[in-house]
Amino acid sequence: NGFYQGWDLHPAQLPTRYGALYTFFLEGLAGATER
């Protein structure tokens, strides 16, 4: 939904913050590269 920032409240949320974020960018990489 176009919100590229959020809040994290616990250090154990940091792996999933980056895990979800990196998956999002890598899944979109091929299409964005071509465009």
PDB file of all heavy atoms in Angstrom:
ATOM      1  N   ASN A   1       0.806  -1.219   0.000  1.00  0.00           N
ATOM      2  CA  ASN A   1       0.000   0.000   0.000  1.00  0.00           C
ATOM      3  C   ASN A   1       0.843   1.274   0.000  1.00  0.00           C
ATOM      4  O   ASN A   1       0.321   2.368   0.242  1.00  0.00           O
ATOM      5  CB  ASN A   1      -0.953  -0.013   1.198  1.00  0.00           C
ATOM      6  CG  ASN A   1      -2.104  -0.983   1.000  1.00  0.00           C
ATOM      7  OD1 ASN A   1      -3.009  -0.732   0.200  1.00  0.00           O
ATOM      8  ND2 ASN A   1      -2.064  -2.111   1.686  1.00  0.00           N
ATOM      9  N   GLY A   2       2.126   1.135  -0.294  1.00  0.00           N
ATOM     10  CA  GLY A   2       2.968   2.310  -0.487  1.00  0.00           C
ATOM     11  C   GLY A   2       3.522   2.926   0.771  1.00  0.00           C
ATOM     12  O   GLY A   2       4.009   4.059   0.740  1.00  0.00           O
ATOM     13  N   PHE A   3       3.494   2.220   1.890  1.00  0.00           N
ATOM     14  CA  PHE A   3       4.113   2.683   3.131  1.00  0.00           C
ATOM     15  C   PHE A   3       5.421   1.912   3.315  1.00  0.00           C
ATOM     16  O   PHE A   3       5.409   0.722   3.635  1.00  0.00           O
ATOM     17  CB  PHE A   3       3.184   2.460   4.328  1.00  0.00           C
ATOM     18  CG  PHE A   3       2.128   3.527   4.485  1.00  0.00           C
ATOM     19  CD1 PHE A   3       1.048   3.589   3.614  1.00  0.00           C
ATOM     20  CD2 PHE A   3       2.209   4.460   5.499  1.00  0.00           C
ATOM     21  CE1 PHE A   3       0.074   4.567   3.745  1.00  0.00           C
ATOM     22  CE2 PHE A   3       1.239   5.448   5.643  1.00  0.00           C
ATOM     23  CZ  PHE A   3       0.164   5.502   4.764  1.00  0.00           C
ATOM     24  N   TYR A   4       6.530   2.599   3.122  1.00  0.00           N
ATOM     25  CA  TYR A   4       7.842   1.936   3.127  1.00  0.00           C
ATOM     26  C   TYR A   4       8.538   2.019   4.475  1.00  0.00           C
ATOM     27  O   TYR A   4       9.708   1.658   4.602  1.00  0.00           O
ATOM     28  CB  TYR A   4       8.725   2.552   2.036  1.00  0.00           C
ATOM     29  CG  TYR A   4       8.234   2.215   0.654  1.00  0.00           C
ATOM     30  CD1 TYR A   4       7.364   3.061  -0.028  1.00  0.00           C
ATOM     31  CD2 TYR A   4       8.604   1.024   0.033  1.00  0.00           C
ATOM     32  CE1 TYR A   4       6.884   2.742  -1.284  1.00  0.00           C
ATOM     33  CE2 TYR A   4       8.132   0.689  -1.227  1.00  0.00           C
ATOM     34  CZ  TYR A   4       7.273   1.560  -1.878  1.00  0.00           C
ATOM     35  OH  TYR A   4       6.797   1.234  -3.125  1.00  0.00           O
ATOM     36  N   GLN A   5       7.825   2.484   5.474  1.00  0.00           N
ATOM     37  CA  GLN A   5       8.369   2.601   6.826  1.00  0.00           C
ATOM     38  C   GLN A   5       7.316   2.154   7.809  1.00  0.00           C
ATOM     39  O   GLN A   5       6.115   2.300   7.565  1.00  0.00           O
ATOM     40  CB  GLN A   5       8.781   4.051   7.094  1.00  0.00           C
ATOM     41  CG  GLN A   5       9.429   4.304   8.451  1.00  0.00           C
ATOM     42  CD  GLN A   5       9.849   5.768   8.610  1.00  0.00           C
ATOM     43  OE1 GLN A   5       9.802   6.545   7.661  1.00  0.00           O
ATOM     44  NE2 GLN A   5      10.278   6.155   9.801  1.00  0.00           N
ATOM     45  N   GLY A   6       7.729   1.589   8.927  1.00  0.00           N
ATOM     46  CA  GLY A   6       6.806   1.192   9.989  1.00  0.00           C
ATOM     47  C   GLY A   6       7.530   1.231  11.320  1.00  0.00           C
ATOM     48  O   GLY A   6       8.703   1.579  11.397  1.00  0.00           O
ATOM     49  N   TRP A   7       6.813   0.844  12.362  1.00  0.00           N
ATOM     50  CA  TRP A   7       7.413   0.831  13.700  1.00  0.00           C
ATOM     51  C   TRP A   7       7.791  -0.592  14.086  1.00  0.00           C
ATOM     52  O   TRP A   7       7.076  -1.547  13.759  1.00  0.00           O
ATOM     53  CB  TRP A   7       6.427   1.325  14.741  1.00  0.00           C
ATOM     54  CG  TRP A   7       5.969   2.725  14.603  1.00  0.00           C
ATOM     55  CD1 TRP A   7       6.344   3.645  13.667  1.00  0.00           C
ATOM     56  CD2 TRP A   7       5.015   3.375  15.441  1.00  0.00           C
ATOM     57  NE1 TRP A   7       5.688   4.827  13.866  1.00  0.00           N
ATOM     58  CE2 TRP A   7       4.867   4.687  14.955  1.00  0.00           C
ATOM     59  CE3 TRP A   7       4.283   2.977  16.554  1.00  0.00           C
ATOM     60  CZ2 TRP A   7       4.004   5.606  15.552  1.00  0.00           C
ATOM     61  CZ3 TRP A   7       3.425   3.888  17.150  1.00  0.00           C
ATOM     62  CH2 TRP A   7       3.296   5.186  16.654  1.00  0.00           C
ATOM     63  N   ASP A   8       8.873  -0.706  14.821  1.00  0.00           N
ATOM     64  CA  ASP A   8       9.238  -1.968  15.469  1.00  0.00           C
ATOM     65  C   ASP A   8       9.420  -1.700  16.954  1.00  0.00           C
ATOM     66  O   ASP A   8       9.978  -0.671  17.352  1.00  0.00           O
ATOM     67  CB  ASP A   8      10.518  -2.547  14.866  1.00  0.00           C
ATOM     68  CG  ASP A   8      10.313  -3.050  13.442  1.00  0.00           C
ATOM     69  OD1 ASP A   8       9.227  -3.606  13.176  1.00  0.00           O
ATOM     70  OD2 ASP A   8      11.215  -2.877  12.609  1.00  0.00           O
ATOM     71  N   LEU A   9       8.952  -2.639  17.771  1.00  0.00           N
ATOM     72  CA  LEU A   9       8.920  -2.438  19.214  1.00  0.00           C
ATOM     73  C   LEU A   9       9.803  -3.420  19.975  1.00  0.00           C
ATOM     74  O   LEU A   9       9.987  -3.251  21.189  1.00  0.00           O
ATOM     75  CB  LEU A   9       7.481  -2.562  19.723  1.00  0.00           C
ATOM     76  CG  LEU A   9       6.447  -1.645  19.058  1.00  0.00           C
ATOM     77  CD1 LEU A   9       5.052  -1.931  19.614  1.00  0.00           C
ATOM     78  CD2 LEU A   9       6.803  -0.178  19.246  1.00  0.00           C
ATOM     79  N   HIS A  10      10.330  -4.430  19.299  1.00  0.00           N
ATOM     80  CA  HIS A  10      11.116  -5.477  19.975  1.00  0.00           C
ATOM     81  C   HIS A  10      12.233  -5.914  19.040  1.00  0.00           C
ATOM     82  O   HIS A  10      12.016  -6.022  17.819  1.00  0.00           O
ATOM     83  CB  HIS A  10      10.202  -6.662  20.317  1.00  0.00           C
ATOM     84  CG  HIS A  10      10.819  -7.660  21.238  1.00  0.00           C
ATOM     85  ND1 HIS A  10      11.704  -8.627  20.793  1.00  0.00           N
ATOM     86  CD2 HIS A  10      10.695  -7.840  22.587  1.00  0.00           C
ATOM     87  CE1 HIS A  10      12.087  -9.366  21.825  1.00  0.00           C
ATOM     88  NE2 HIS A  10      11.488  -8.902  22.924  1.00  0.00           N
ATOM     89  N   PRO A  11      13.427  -6.177  19.566  1.00  0.00           N
ATOM     90  CA  PRO A  11      14.538  -6.564  18.674  1.00  0.00           C
ATOM     91  C   PRO A  11      14.283  -7.834  17.885  1.00  0.00           C
ATOM     92  O   PRO A  11      14.815  -7.991  16.777  1.00  0.00           O
ATOM     93  CB  PRO A  11      15.731  -6.725  19.636  1.00  0.00           C
ATOM     94  CG  PRO A  11      15.140  -6.819  21.001  1.00  0.00           C
ATOM     95  CD  PRO A  11      13.877  -6.033  20.962  1.00  0.00           C
ATOM     96  N   ALA A  12      13.455  -8.743  18.401  1.00  0.00           N
ATOM     97  CA  ALA A  12      13.156  -9.968  17.656  1.00  0.00           C
ATOM     98  C   ALA A  12      12.248  -9.707  16.466  1.00  0.00           C
ATOM     99  O   ALA A  12      12.013 -10.617  15.656  1.00  0.00           O
ATOM    100  CB  ALA A  12      12.537 -11.020  18.575  1.00  0.00           C
ATOM    101  N   GLN A  13      11.734  -8.481  16.319  1.00  0.00           N
ATOM    102  CA  GLN A  13      10.984  -8.118  15.115  1.00  0.00           C
ATOM    103  C   GLN A  13      11.901  -7.674  13.983  1.00  0.00           C
ATOM    104  O   GLN A  13      11.458  -7.593  12.830  1.00  0.00           O
ATOM    105  CB  GLN A  13       9.985  -6.989  15.425  1.00  0.00           C
ATOM    106  CG  GLN A  13       8.812  -7.415  16.297  1.00  0.00           C
ATOM    107  CD  GLN A  13       7.839  -6.279  16.539  1.00  0.00           C
ATOM    108  OE1 GLN A  13       8.244  -5.140  16.790  1.00  0.00           O
ATOM    109  NE2 GLN A  13       6.550  -6.572  16.485  1.00  0.00           N
ATOM    110  N   LEU A  14      13.152  -7.399  14.281  1.00  0.00           N
ATOM    111  CA  LEU A  14      14.057  -6.919  13.241  1.00  0.00           C
ATOM    112  C   LEU A  14      14.312  -7.963  12.156  1.00  0.00           C
ATOM    113  O   LEU A  14      14.345  -7.616  10.968  1.00  0.00           O
ATOM    114  CB  LEU A  14      15.371  -6.438  13.864  1.00  0.00           C
ATOM    115  CG  LEU A  14      15.232  -5.287  14.872  1.00  0.00           C
ATOM    116  CD1 LEU A  14      16.596  -4.898  15.436  1.00  0.00           C
ATOM    117  CD2 LEU A  14      14.570  -4.078  14.230  1.00  0.00           C
ATOM    118  N   PRO A  15      14.498  -9.256  12.483  1.00  0.00           N
ATOM    119  CA  PRO A  15      14.663 -10.240  11.401  1.00  0.00           C
ATOM    120  C   PRO A  15      13.481 -10.266  10.441  1.00  0.00           C
ATOM    121  O   PRO A  15      13.660 -10.380   9.215  1.00  0.00           O
ATOM    122  CB  PRO A  15      14.816 -11.571  12.146  1.00  0.00           C
ATOM    123  CG  PRO A  15      15.356 -11.195  13.480  1.00  0.00           C
ATOM    124  CD  PRO A  15      14.706  -9.880  13.807  1.00  0.00           C
ATOM    125  N   THR A  16      12.254 -10.161  10.974  1.00  0.00           N
ATOM    126  CA  THR A  16      11.100 -10.230  10.079  1.00  0.00           C
ATOM    127  C   THR A  16      10.869  -8.914   9.352  1.00  0.00           C
ATOM    128  O   THR A  16      10.323  -8.909   8.237  1.00  0.00           O
ATOM    129  CB  THR A  16       9.831 -10.649  10.835  1.00  0.00           C
ATOM    130  OG1 THR A  16       9.804 -10.014  12.128  1.00  0.00           O
ATOM    131  CG2 THR A  16       9.798 -12.145  11.030  1.00  0.00           C
ATOM    132  N   ARG A  17      11.228  -7.786   9.958  1.00  0.00           N
ATOM    133  CA  ARG A  17      11.173  -6.520   9.228  1.00  0.00           C
ATOM    134  C   ARG A  17      11.989  -6.625   7.947  1.00  0.00           C
ATOM    135  O   ARG A  17      11.515  -6.340   6.845  1.00  0.00           O
ATOM    136  CB  ARG A  17      11.722  -5.384  10.106  1.00  0.00           C
ATOM    137  CG  ARG A  17      12.002  -4.060   9.369  1.00  0.00           C
ATOM    138  CD  ARG A  17      10.774  -3.362   8.857  1.00  0.00           C
ATOM    139  NE  ARG A  17       9.848  -3.058   9.928  1.00  0.00           N
ATOM    140  CZ  ARG A  17       8.647  -2.508   9.758  1.00  0.00           C
ATOM    141  NH1 ARG A  17       8.237  -2.202   8.541  1.00  0.00           N
ATOM    142  NH2 ARG A  17       7.836  -2.291  10.773  1.00  0.00           N
ATOM    143  N   TYR A  18      13.242  -7.061   8.092  1.00  0.00           N
ATOM    144  CA  TYR A  18      14.112  -7.140   6.916  1.00  0.00           C
ATOM    145  C   TYR A  18      13.778  -8.336   6.036  1.00  0.00           C
ATOM    146  O   TYR A  18      13.889  -8.259   4.810  1.00  0.00           O
ATOM    147  CB  TYR A  18      15.579  -7.165   7.362  1.00  0.00           C
ATOM    148  CG  TYR A  18      15.988  -5.887   8.035  1.00  0.00           C
ATOM    149  CD1 TYR A  18      16.380  -5.858   9.367  1.00  0.00           C
ATOM    150  CD2 TYR A  18      15.943  -4.670   7.353  1.00  0.00           C
ATOM    151  CE1 TYR A  18      16.734  -4.676   9.996  1.00  0.00           C
ATOM    152  CE2 TYR A  18      16.284  -3.478   7.977  1.00  0.00           C
ATOM    153  CZ  TYR A  18      16.686  -3.487   9.301  1.00  0.00           C
ATOM    154  OH  TYR A  18      17.021  -2.306   9.920  1.00  0.00           O
ATOM    155  N   GLY A  19      13.338  -9.432   6.642  1.00  0.00           N
ATOM    156  CA  GLY A  19      12.966 -10.594   5.833  1.00  0.00           C
ATOM    157  C   GLY A  19      11.815 -10.280   4.894  1.00  0.00           C
ATOM    158  O   GLY A  19      11.851 -10.587   3.699  1.00  0.00           O
ATOM    159  N   ALA A  20      10.766  -9.653   5.409  1.00  0.00           N
ATOM    160  CA  ALA A  20       9.608  -9.290   4.575  1.00  0.00           C
ATOM    161  C   ALA A  20       9.984  -8.213   3.561  1.00  0.00           C
ATOM    162  O   ALA A  20       9.575  -8.260   2.400  1.00  0.00           O
ATOM    163  CB  ALA A  20       8.466  -8.802   5.462  1.00  0.00           C
ATOM    164  N   LEU A  21      10.772  -7.237   4.006  1.00  0.00           N
ATOM    165  CA  LEU A  21      11.187  -6.138   3.135  1.00  0.00           C
ATOM    166  C   LEU A  21      12.043  -6.641   1.982  1.00  0.00           C
ATOM    167  O   LEU A  21      11.819  -6.303   0.808  1.00  0.00           O
ATOM    168  CB  LEU A  21      11.972  -5.118   3.965  1.00  0.00           C
ATOM    169  CG  LEU A  21      12.450  -3.850   3.275  1.00  0.00           C
ATOM    170  CD1 LEU A  21      11.266  -2.949   2.942  1.00  0.00           C
ATOM    171  CD2 LEU A  21      13.435  -3.103   4.183  1.00  0.00           C
ATOM    172  N   TYR A  22      13.014  -7.483   2.281  1.00  0.00           N
ATOM    173  CA  TYR A  22      13.922  -7.974   1.241  1.00  0.00           C
ATOM    174  C   TYR A  22      13.193  -8.871   0.254  1.00  0.00           C
ATOM    175  O   TYR A  22      13.460  -8.836  -0.951  1.00  0.00           O
ATOM    176  CB  TYR A  22      15.091  -8.724   1.880  1.00  0.00           C
ATOM    177  CG  TYR A  22      16.063  -7.842   2.651  1.00  0.00           C
ATOM    178  CD1 TYR A  22      15.792  -6.488   2.889  1.00  0.00           C
ATOM    179  CD2 TYR A  22      17.241  -8.355   3.163  1.00  0.00           C
ATOM    180  CE1 TYR A  22      16.674  -5.691   3.588  1.00  0.00           C
ATOM    181  CE2 TYR A  22      18.140  -7.551   3.859  1.00  0.00           C
ATOM    182  CZ  TYR A  22      17.844  -6.223   4.080  1.00  0.00           C
ATOM    183  OH  TYR A  22      18.722  -5.429   4.777  1.00  0.00           O
ATOM    184  N   THR A  23      12.261  -9.677   0.761  1.00  0.00           N
ATOM    185  CA  THR A  23      11.470 -10.522  -0.130  1.00  0.00           C
ATOM    186  C   THR A  23      10.655  -9.667  -1.095  1.00  0.00           C
ATOM    187  O   THR A  23      10.573  -9.945  -2.294  1.00  0.00           O
ATOM    188  CB  THR A  23      10.533 -11.426   0.690  1.00  0.00           C
ATOM    189  OG1 THR A  23      11.319 -12.242   1.568  1.00  0.00           O
ATOM    190  CG2 THR A  23       9.708 -12.319  -0.222  1.00  0.00           C
ATOM    191  N   PHE A  24      10.062  -8.599  -0.583  1.00  0.00           N
ATOM    192  CA  PHE A  24       9.269  -7.684  -1.403  1.00  0.00           C
ATOM    193  C   PHE A  24      10.117  -7.112  -2.541  1.00  0.00           C
ATOM    194  O   PHE A  24       9.689  -7.095  -3.707  1.00  0.00           O
ATOM    195  CB  PHE A  24       8.722  -6.558  -0.519  1.00  0.00           C
ATOM    196  CG  PHE A  24       7.987  -5.471  -1.258  1.00  0.00           C
ATOM    197  CD1 PHE A  24       6.651  -5.621  -1.596  1.00  0.00           C
ATOM    198  CD2 PHE A  24       8.632  -4.287  -1.598  1.00  0.00           C
ATOM    199  CE1 PHE A  24       5.964  -4.619  -2.267  1.00  0.00           C
ATOM    200  CE2 PHE A  24       7.954  -3.279  -2.273  1.00  0.00           C
ATOM    201  CZ  PHE A  24       6.623  -3.444  -2.603  1.00  0.00           C
ATOM    202  N   PHE A  25      11.306  -6.628  -2.240  1.00  0.00           N
ATOM    203  CA  PHE A  25      12.153  -6.029  -3.268  1.00  0.00           C
ATOM    204  C   PHE A  25      12.678  -7.078  -4.250  1.00  0.00           C
ATOM    205  O   PHE A  25      12.709  -6.831  -5.463  1.00  0.00           O
ATOM    206  CB  PHE A  25      13.322  -5.282  -2.626  1.00  0.00           C
ATOM    207  CG  PHE A  25      12.965  -3.895  -2.176  1.00  0.00           C
ATOM    208  CD1 PHE A  25      12.737  -3.620  -0.836  1.00  0.00           C
ATOM    209  CD2 PHE A  25      12.828  -2.864  -3.088  1.00  0.00           C
ATOM    210  CE1 PHE A  25      12.392  -2.344  -0.410  1.00  0.00           C
ATOM    211  CE2 PHE A  25      12.486  -1.580  -2.689  1.00  0.00           C
ATOM    212  CZ  PHE A  25      12.269  -1.321  -1.347  1.00  0.00           C
ATOM    213  N   LEU A  26      13.062  -8.228  -3.757  1.00  0.00           N
ATOM    214  CA  LEU A  26      13.600  -9.257  -4.658  1.00  0.00           C
ATOM    215  C   LEU A  26      12.510  -9.821  -5.562  1.00  0.00           C
ATOM    216  O   LEU A  26      12.770 -10.149  -6.726  1.00  0.00           O
ATOM    217  CB  LEU A  26      14.284 -10.361  -3.848  1.00  0.00           C
ATOM    218  CG  LEU A  26      15.628  -9.942  -3.227  1.00  0.00           C
ATOM    219  CD1 LEU A  26      16.093 -10.968  -2.202  1.00  0.00           C
ATOM    220  CD2 LEU A  26      16.690  -9.759  -4.309  1.00  0.00           C
ATOM    221  N   GLU A  27      11.289  -9.942  -5.058  1.00  0.00           N
ATOM    222  CA  GLU A  27      10.189 -10.411  -5.904  1.00  0.00           C
ATOM    223  C   GLU A  27       9.874  -9.399  -7.012  1.00  0.00           C
ATOM    224  O   GLU A  27       9.465  -9.775  -8.102  1.00  0.00           O
ATOM    225  CB  GLU A  27       8.939 -10.654  -5.058  1.00  0.00           C
ATOM    226  CG  GLU A  27       9.001 -11.906  -4.197  1.00  0.00           C
ATOM    227  CD  GLU A  27       7.780 -12.090  -3.325  1.00  0.00           C
ATOM    228  OE1 GLU A  27       7.007 -11.120  -3.157  1.00  0.00           O
ATOM    229  OE2 GLU A  27       7.581 -13.202  -2.796  1.00  0.00           O
ATOM    230  N   GLY A  28      10.072  -8.130  -6.733  1.00  0.00           N
ATOM    231  CA  GLY A  28       9.780  -7.097  -7.725  1.00  0.00           C
ATOM    232  C   GLY A  28      10.966  -6.715  -8.587  1.00  0.00           C
ATOM    233  O   GLY A  28      10.834  -5.858  -9.479  1.00  0.00           O
ATOM    234  N   LEU A  29      12.119  -7.342  -8.348  1.00  0.00           N
ATOM    235  CA  LEU A  29      13.352  -6.920  -9.015  1.00  0.00           C
ATOM    236  C   LEU A  29      13.295  -7.084 -10.525  1.00  0.00           C
ATOM    237  O   LEU A  29      13.647  -6.156 -11.269  1.00  0.00           O
ATOM    238  CB  LEU A  29      14.535  -7.701  -8.443  1.00  0.00           C
ATOM    239  CG  LEU A  29      15.905  -7.434  -9.075  1.00  0.00           C
ATOM    240  CD1 LEU A  29      16.298  -5.964  -8.931  1.00  0.00           C
ATOM    241  CD2 LEU A  29      16.970  -8.333  -8.446  1.00  0.00           C
ATOM    242  N   ALA A  30      12.863  -8.232 -11.020  1.00  0.00           N
ATOM    243  CA  ALA A  30      12.886  -8.491 -12.462  1.00  0.00           C
ATOM    244  C   ALA A  30      12.027  -7.480 -13.219  1.00  0.00           C
ATOM    245  O   ALA A  30      12.453  -6.892 -14.222  1.00  0.00           O
ATOM    246  CB  ALA A  30      12.428  -9.915 -12.750  1.00  0.00           C
ATOM    247  N   GLY A  31      10.815  -7.259 -12.739  1.00  0.00           N
ATOM    248  CA  GLY A  31       9.919  -6.322 -13.423  1.00  0.00           C
ATOM    249  C   GLY A  31      10.431  -4.895 -13.382  1.00  0.00           C
ATOM    250  O   GLY A  31      10.378  -4.177 -14.391  1.00  0.00           O
ATOM    251  N   ALA A  32      10.945  -4.473 -12.218  1.00  0.00           N
ATOM    252  CA  ALA A  32      11.454  -3.109 -12.095  1.00  0.00           C
ATOM    253  C   ALA A  32      12.700  -2.912 -12.948  1.00  0.00           C
ATOM    254  O   ALA A  32      12.897  -1.845 -13.537  1.00  0.00           O
ATOM    255  CB  ALA A  32      11.755  -2.804 -10.629  1.00  0.00           C
ATOM    256  N   THR A  33      13.543  -3.952 -13.043  1.00  0.00           N
ATOM    257  CA  THR A  33      14.751  -3.857 -13.860  1.00  0.00           C
ATOM    258  C   THR A  33      14.397  -3.653 -15.328  1.00  0.00           C
ATOM    259  O   THR A  33      14.954  -2.777 -16.003  1.00  0.00           O
ATOM    260  CB  THR A  33      15.604  -5.133 -13.701  1.00  0.00           C
ATOM    261  OG1 THR A  33      16.007  -5.262 -12.337  1.00  0.00           O
ATOM    262  CG2 THR A  33      16.843  -5.080 -14.592  1.00  0.00           C
ATOM    263  N   GLU A  34      13.450  -4.435 -15.821  1.00  0.00           N
ATOM    264  CA  GLU A  34      13.057  -4.315 -17.222  1.00  0.00           C
ATOM    265  C   GLU A  34      12.449  -2.949 -17.509  1.00  0.00           C
ATOM    266  O   GLU A  34      12.777  -2.308 -18.522  1.00  0.00           O
ATOM    267  CB  GLU A  34      12.066  -5.416 -17.582  1.00  0.00           C
ATOM    268  CG  GLU A  34      11.639  -5.391 -19.048  1.00  0.00           C
ATOM    269  CD  GLU A  34      10.678  -6.510 -19.403  1.00  0.00           C
ATOM    270  OE1 GLU A  34      10.282  -7.275 -18.491  1.00  0.00           O
ATOM    271  OE2 GLU A  34      10.309  -6.612 -20.584  1.00  0.00           O
ATOM    272  N   ARG A  35      11.595  -2.475 -16.623  1.00  0.00           N
ATOM    273  CA  ARG A  35      10.936  -1.178 -16.841  1.00  0.00           C
ATOM    274  C   ARG A  35      11.947  -0.033 -16.851  1.00  0.00           C
ATOM    275  O   ARG A  35      11.911   0.831 -17.727  1.00  0.00           O
ATOM    276  CB  ARG A  35       9.888  -0.926 -15.758  1.00  0.00           C
ATOM    277  CG  ARG A  35       8.620  -1.756 -15.903  1.00  0.00           C
ATOM    278  CD  ARG A  35       7.550  -1.242 -14.960  1.00  0.00           C
ATOM    279  NE  ARG A  35       7.110   0.099 -15.335  1.00  0.00           N
ATOM    280  CZ  ARG A  35       6.523   0.952 -14.498  1.00  0.00           C
ATOM    281  NH1 ARG A  35       6.317   0.609 -13.244  1.00  0.00           N
ATOM    282  NH2 ARG A  35       6.142   2.146 -14.910  1.00  0.00           N
TER     283      ARG A  35
END
